[in-house]
C-alpha atoms as a PDB file:
ATOM      1  CA  MET A   1     137.389 116.512  98.465  1.00  0.00           C
ATOM      2  CA  ASN A   2     139.828 114.760 100.753  1.00  0.00           C
ATOM      3  CA  THR A   3     140.386 111.018 100.715  1.00  0.00           C
ATOM      4  CA  ASN A   4     138.510 110.376 103.976  1.00  0.00           C
ATOM      5  CA  LEU A   5     135.382 112.140 102.702  1.00  0.00           C
ATOM      6  CA  MET A   6     135.591 110.313  99.368  1.00  0.00           C
ATOM      7  CA  THR A   7     135.907 106.981 101.175  1.00  0.00           C
ATOM      8  CA  LEU A   8     132.959 107.808 103.414  1.00  0.00           C
ATOM      9  CA  GLU A   9     130.825 108.919 100.467  1.00  0.00           C
ATOM     10  CA  GLY A  10     131.696 105.779  98.507  1.00  0.00           C
ATOM     11  CA  ARG A  11     130.818 103.531 101.417  1.00  0.00           C
ATOM     12  CA  LEU A  12     127.537 105.335 102.098  1.00  0.00           C
ATOM     13  CA  ASN A  13     126.570 105.027  98.432  1.00  0.00           C
ATOM     14  CA  ALA A  14     127.383 101.307  98.478  1.00  0.00           C
ATOM     15  CA  HIS A  15     125.334 100.782 101.654  1.00  0.00           C
ATOM     16  CA  ARG A  16     122.403 102.678 100.196  1.00  0.00           C
ATOM     17  CA  LYS A  17     122.438 100.631  96.967  1.00  0.00           C
ATOM     18  CA  LEU A  18     122.579  97.407  98.946  1.00  0.00           C
ATOM     19  CA  LEU A  19     119.730  98.489 101.237  1.00  0.00           C
ATOM     20  CA  VAL A  20     117.530  99.529  98.296  1.00  0.00           C
ATOM     21  CA  SER A  21     118.115  96.112  96.703  1.00  0.00           C
ATOM     22  CA  LEU A  22     117.272  94.333  99.954  1.00  0.00           C
ATOM     23  CA  VAL A  23     114.076  96.353 100.402  1.00  0.00           C
ATOM     24  CA  ALA A  24     113.088  95.537  96.799  1.00  0.00           C
ATOM     25  CA  LEU A  25     113.611  91.833  97.497  1.00  0.00           C
ATOM     26  CA  LEU A  26     111.757  91.943 100.821  1.00  0.00           C
ATOM     27  CA  ASP A  27     108.871  93.777  99.167  1.00  0.00           C
ATOM     28  CA  THR A  28     108.141  90.575  97.232  1.00  0.00           C
ATOM     29  CA  VAL A  29     107.416  88.712 100.504  1.00  0.00           C
ATOM     30  CA  PRO A  30     103.927  89.570 101.847  1.00  0.00           C
ATOM     31  CA  GLU A  31     104.905  89.311 105.531  1.00  0.00           C
ATOM     32  CA  ALA A  32     107.978  91.473 104.991  1.00  0.00           C
ATOM     33  CA  ARG A  33     106.004  93.990 102.904  1.00  0.00           C
ATOM     34  CA  GLU A  34     103.799  94.767 105.903  1.00  0.00           C
ATOM     35  CA  THR A  35     106.868  95.395 108.070  1.00  0.00           C
ATOM     36  CA  ILE A  36     108.443  97.644 105.436  1.00  0.00           C
ATOM     37  CA  GLN A  37     105.273  99.707 105.132  1.00  0.00           C
ATOM     38  CA  ARG A  38     105.016 100.016 108.920  1.00  0.00           C
ATOM     39  CA  LEU A  39     108.646 101.166 109.195  1.00  0.00           C
ATOM     40  CA  LYS A  40     108.082 103.769 106.488  1.00  0.00           C
ATOM     41  CA  LEU A  41     104.930 105.020 108.206  1.00  0.00           C
ATOM     42  CA  GLU A  42     106.773 105.255 111.537  1.00  0.00           C
ATOM     43  CA  GLN A  43     109.390 107.487 109.907  1.00  0.00           C
ATOM     44  CA  GLU A  44     106.759 109.652 108.221  1.00  0.00           C
ATOM     45  CA  THR A  45     104.896 110.263 111.479  1.00  0.00           C
ATOM     46  CA  HIS A  46     107.975 110.341 113.702  1.00  0.00           C
ATOM     47  CA  GLY A  47     108.114 114.115 113.958  1.00  0.00           C
ATOM     48  CA  ASP A  48     104.444 114.404 114.870  1.00  0.00           C
ATOM     49  CA  HIS A  49     105.006 112.928 118.312  1.00  0.00           C
ATOM     50  CA  GLU A  50     107.845 115.154 119.418  1.00  0.00           C
ATOM     51  CA  GLU A  51     108.106 118.616 120.811  1.00  0.00           C
ATOM     52  CA  ASP A  52     108.174 121.497 118.373  1.00  0.00           C
ATOM     53  CA  PRO A  53     111.855 122.096 117.565  1.00  0.00           C
ATOM     54  CA  GLY A  54     111.230 125.814 117.101  1.00  0.00           C
ATOM     55  CA  ILE A  55     112.591 128.003 114.351  1.00  0.00           C
ATOM     56  CA  ASP A  56     116.186 126.841 114.786  1.00  0.00           C
ATOM     57  CA  PRO A  57     116.227 123.115 115.623  1.00  0.00           C
ATOM     58  CA  ASP A  58     119.361 121.852 117.293  1.00  0.00           C
ATOM     59  CA  GLU A  59     121.816 119.576 115.509  1.00  0.00           C
ATOM     60  CA  ALA A  60     120.537 116.395 117.167  1.00  0.00           C
ATOM     61  CA  TYR A  61     117.022 117.028 115.875  1.00  0.00           C
ATOM     62  CA  ALA A  62     118.345 117.876 112.408  1.00  0.00           C
ATOM     63  CA  VAL A  63     120.390 114.659 112.253  1.00  0.00           C
ATOM     64  CA  GLN A  64     117.385 112.649 113.422  1.00  0.00           C
ATOM     65  CA  ARG A  65     115.187 114.145 110.669  1.00  0.00           C
ATOM     66  CA  ILE A  66     117.869 113.511 108.043  1.00  0.00           C
ATOM     67  CA  ALA A  67     118.089 109.872 109.148  1.00  0.00           C
ATOM     68  CA  ALA A  68     114.299 109.484 109.053  1.00  0.00           C
ATOM     69  CA  GLN A  69     114.184 111.008 105.560  1.00  0.00           C
ATOM     70  CA  GLU A  70     116.947 108.678 104.355  1.00  0.00           C
ATOM     71  CA  ILE A  71     115.044 105.648 105.675  1.00  0.00           C
ATOM     72  CA  MET A  72     111.905 106.799 103.840  1.00  0.00           C
ATOM     73  CA  ASP A  73     113.923 107.425 100.659  1.00  0.00           C
ATOM     74  CA  ILE A  74     115.554 103.981 100.784  1.00  0.00           C
ATOM     75  CA  ILE A  75     112.256 102.210 101.422  1.00  0.00           C
ATOM     76  CA  GLY A  76     110.546 104.237  98.696  1.00  0.00           C
ATOM     77  CA  ALA A  77     113.288 103.444  96.181  1.00  0.00           C
ATOM     78  CA  GLY A  78     113.151  99.748  97.066  1.00  0.00           C
ATOM     79  CA  ILE A  79     109.362  99.615  96.659  1.00  0.00           C
ATOM     80  CA  LYS A  80     109.586 101.414  93.303  1.00  0.00           C
ATOM     81  CA  ARG A  81     112.282  98.995  92.111  1.00  0.00           C
ATOM     82  CA  SER A  82     110.182  96.027  93.197  1.00  0.00           C
ATOM     83  CA  ALA A  83     107.112  97.371  91.376  1.00  0.00           C
ATOM     84  CA  SER A  84     109.184  98.071  88.265  1.00  0.00           C
ATOM     85  CA  GLU A  85     110.563  94.532  88.276  1.00  0.00           C
ATOM     86  CA  ASP A  86     107.040  93.138  88.736  1.00  0.00           C
ATOM     87  CA  ARG A  87     105.823  95.089  85.699  1.00  0.00           C
ATOM     88  CA  ARG A  88     108.846  93.997  83.664  1.00  0.00           C
ATOM     89  CA  HIS A  89     108.339  90.330  84.556  1.00  0.00           C
ATOM     90  CA  SER A  90     104.621  90.554  83.791  1.00  0.00           C
ATOM     91  CA  GLY A  91     105.435  91.974  80.375  1.00  0.00           C
ATOM     92  CA  GLU A  92     107.964  89.216  79.703  1.00  0.00           C
ATOM     93  CA  GLN A  93     105.410  86.551  80.610  1.00  0.00           C
ATOM     94  CA  LEU A  94     102.853  88.083  78.253  1.00  0.00           C
ATOM     95  CA  GLU A  95     105.413  88.247  75.417  1.00  0.00           C
ATOM     96  CA  LEU A  96     106.282  84.583  75.937  1.00  0.00           C
ATOM     97  CA  GLY A  97     102.608  83.581  76.055  1.00  0.00           C
ATOM     98  CA  VAL A  98     102.866  82.380  79.640  1.00  0.00           C
ATOM     99  CA  ASP A  99      99.540  82.432  81.453  1.00  0.00           C
ATOM    100  CA  GLU A 100      99.525  83.770  84.963  1.00  0.00           C
ATOM    101  CA  ALA A 101      98.056  81.180  87.272  1.00  0.00           C
END
């Protein structure tokens, strides 16, 4: 792999990790959670409102679907991380004998 592709891949991976962390944080805020869920739903239903691309969709359509899938993957990973952290913190509180108010 050439240096330019390695640099691009490294940067994309860093951006994705950062975005997943931000989604996980935002998922803890009720107002933001609604927005995140709406954005994910928009990506899931995005293709339903467009013309049928046919058997061999053009590159623009393919790139658009890849982008929509990446958004759904990032949001999904962030929500899973947030839920995992919630479960972990709940378990820690129970171990310490802290009552949930």
